[in-house]
Amino acid sequence: MAIPSTKEIGEIILNFLKDGRTYAFSGIKARVRAEANMTADDLKKKNRKGTQHIWIHRTEVALNELKRDGFVEMPKRERYKITAA
């Protein structure tokens, strides 16, 4: 499977945040990695500069977009949970 888009990763994140628990970014990355069914090659792919893995960057962007749109909040640094709304 190819690396999911930012939107697809956002859907994965919202799906498991529905339980209301607070997740560390490392836990979110682990869940995205497991649920997206990416290959070993997909997990290794980096951006053009070679400084960051593409799937991790997309996970960060998805979280920022979910936070901006009011679906996710950060009660503490590097901790995320779904909002009540």
C-alpha atoms as a PDB file:
ATOM      1  CA  MET A   1       0.000   0.000   0.000  1.00  0.00           C
ATOM      2  CA  ALA A   2       1.156   3.549  -0.672  1.00  0.00           C
ATOM      3  CA  ILE A   3       1.691   6.186   1.985  1.00  0.00           C
ATOM      4  CA  PRO A   4      -1.756   7.548   2.909  1.00  0.00           C
ATOM      5  CA  SER A   5      -2.619  11.170   2.196  1.00  0.00           C
ATOM      6  CA  THR A   6      -2.829  13.705   5.000  1.00  0.00           C
ATOM      7  CA  LYS A   7      -6.632  13.462   4.867  1.00  0.00           C
ATOM      8  CA  GLU A   8      -6.548   9.655   5.136  1.00  0.00           C
ATOM      9  CA  ILE A   9      -4.163   9.846   8.094  1.00  0.00           C
ATOM     10  CA  GLY A  10      -6.481  12.379   9.740  1.00  0.00           C
ATOM     11  CA  GLU A  11      -9.365   9.929   9.384  1.00  0.00           C
ATOM     12  CA  ILE A  12      -7.262   7.163  10.948  1.00  0.00           C
ATOM     13  CA  ILE A  13      -6.372   9.454  13.866  1.00  0.00           C
ATOM     14  CA  LEU A  14      -9.972  10.547  14.496  1.00  0.00           C
ATOM     15  CA  ASN A  15     -11.135   6.940  14.335  1.00  0.00           C
ATOM     16  CA  PHE A  16      -8.976   5.800  17.251  1.00  0.00           C
ATOM     17  CA  LEU A  17      -9.222   9.051  19.229  1.00  0.00           C
ATOM     18  CA  LYS A  18     -12.974   8.413  19.523  1.00  0.00           C
ATOM     19  CA  ASP A  19     -12.251   6.458  22.703  1.00  0.00           C
ATOM     20  CA  GLY A  20     -11.685   9.807  24.483  1.00  0.00           C
ATOM     21  CA  ARG A  21      -8.218   8.919  25.751  1.00  0.00           C
ATOM     22  CA  THR A  22      -5.210  11.221  25.503  1.00  0.00           C
ATOM     23  CA  TYR A  23      -2.416   9.952  23.266  1.00  0.00           C
ATOM     24  CA  ALA A  24       1.230  10.943  23.062  1.00  0.00           C
ATOM     25  CA  PHE A  25       2.526  11.724  19.580  1.00  0.00           C
ATOM     26  CA  SER A  26       4.639   8.560  19.697  1.00  0.00           C
ATOM     27  CA  GLY A  27       1.495   6.505  20.347  1.00  0.00           C
ATOM     28  CA  ILE A  28      -0.320   8.209  17.499  1.00  0.00           C
ATOM     29  CA  LYS A  29       2.565   7.447  15.147  1.00  0.00           C
ATOM     30  CA  ALA A  30       2.494   3.783  16.212  1.00  0.00           C
ATOM     31  CA  ARG A  31      -1.259   3.519  15.589  1.00  0.00           C
ATOM     32  CA  VAL A  32      -1.036   5.249  12.190  1.00  0.00           C
ATOM     33  CA  ARG A  33       1.859   2.987  11.199  1.00  0.00           C
ATOM     34  CA  ALA A  34      -0.122  -0.123  12.198  1.00  0.00           C
ATOM     35  CA  GLU A  35      -3.495   0.870  10.749  1.00  0.00           C
ATOM     36  CA  ALA A  36      -2.238   2.296   7.451  1.00  0.00           C
ATOM     37  CA  ASN A  37      -0.656  -1.016   6.421  1.00  0.00           C
ATOM     38  CA  MET A  38       2.371   0.679   4.885  1.00  0.00           C
ATOM     39  CA  THR A  39       5.223  -1.413   3.541  1.00  0.00           C
ATOM     40  CA  ALA A  40       8.751  -1.259   4.939  1.00  0.00           C
ATOM     41  CA  ASP A  41       9.737   0.801   1.891  1.00  0.00           C
ATOM     42  CA  ASP A  42       6.884   3.252   2.522  1.00  0.00           C
ATOM     43  CA  LEU A  43       8.038   3.721   6.110  1.00  0.00           C
ATOM     44  CA  LYS A  44      11.586   4.512   4.940  1.00  0.00           C
ATOM     45  CA  LYS A  45      10.675   7.109   2.311  1.00  0.00           C
ATOM     46  CA  LYS A  46      11.918  10.593   3.134  1.00  0.00           C
ATOM     47  CA  ASN A  47      11.248  14.033   1.739  1.00  0.00           C
ATOM     48  CA  ARG A  48      13.386  15.491  -1.048  1.00  0.00           C
ATOM     49  CA  LYS A  49      15.900  16.927   1.406  1.00  0.00           C
ATOM     50  CA  GLY A  50      16.126  13.576   3.157  1.00  0.00           C
ATOM     51  CA  THR A  51      15.443  15.119   6.543  1.00  0.00           C
ATOM     52  CA  GLN A  52      12.069  13.622   7.499  1.00  0.00           C
ATOM     53  CA  HIS A  53       9.996  10.531   6.814  1.00  0.00           C
ATOM     54  CA  ILE A  54       7.013  11.398   4.621  1.00  0.00           C
ATOM     55  CA  TRP A  55       4.448   9.484   6.675  1.00  0.00           C
ATOM     56  CA  ILE A  56       5.569  11.176   9.921  1.00  0.00           C
ATOM     57  CA  HIS A  57       5.334  14.616   8.300  1.00  0.00           C
ATOM     58  CA  ARG A  58       1.830  13.823   7.036  1.00  0.00           C
ATOM     59  CA  THR A  59       0.848  12.658  10.533  1.00  0.00           C
ATOM     60  CA  GLU A  60       2.072  15.962  11.998  1.00  0.00           C
ATOM     61  CA  VAL A  61       0.207  17.963   9.351  1.00  0.00           C
ATOM     62  CA  ALA A  62      -2.982  15.932   9.894  1.00  0.00           C
ATOM     63  CA  LEU A  63      -2.838  16.580  13.649  1.00  0.00           C
ATOM     64  CA  ASN A  64      -2.261  20.298  13.107  1.00  0.00           C
ATOM     65  CA  GLU A  65      -5.212  20.478  10.704  1.00  0.00           C
ATOM     66  CA  LEU A  66      -7.471  18.556  13.109  1.00  0.00           C
ATOM     67  CA  LYS A  67      -6.423  20.897  15.910  1.00  0.00           C
ATOM     68  CA  ARG A  68      -6.973  23.991  13.756  1.00  0.00           C
ATOM     69  CA  ASP A  69     -10.441  22.752  12.757  1.00  0.00           C
ATOM     70  CA  GLY A  70     -11.409  22.085  16.386  1.00  0.00           C
ATOM     71  CA  PHE A  71     -11.578  18.273  16.278  1.00  0.00           C
ATOM     72  CA  VAL A  72      -8.503  17.646  18.424  1.00  0.00           C
ATOM     73  CA  GLU A  73      -7.031  19.468  21.402  1.00  0.00           C
ATOM     74  CA  MET A  74      -3.624  19.415  23.069  1.00  0.00           C
ATOM     75  CA  PRO A  75      -4.087  19.278  26.858  1.00  0.00           C
ATOM     76  CA  LYS A  76      -0.291  19.022  27.246  1.00  0.00           C
ATOM     77  CA  ARG A  77       2.692  19.275  24.954  1.00  0.00           C
ATOM     78  CA  GLU A  78       2.863  16.372  22.493  1.00  0.00           C
ATOM     79  CA  ARG A  79      -0.449  14.981  23.864  1.00  0.00           C
ATOM     80  CA  TYR A  80      -3.635  14.870  21.823  1.00  0.00           C
ATOM     81  CA  LYS A  81      -7.275  14.020  22.451  1.00  0.00           C
ATOM     82  CA  ILE A  82     -10.535  14.432  20.617  1.00  0.00           C
ATOM     83  CA  THR A  83     -12.622  17.455  21.571  1.00  0.00           C
ATOM     84  CA  ALA A  84     -16.050  17.140  23.167  1.00  0.00           C
ATOM     85  CA  ALA A  85     -17.764  18.895  20.263  1.00  0.00           C
END
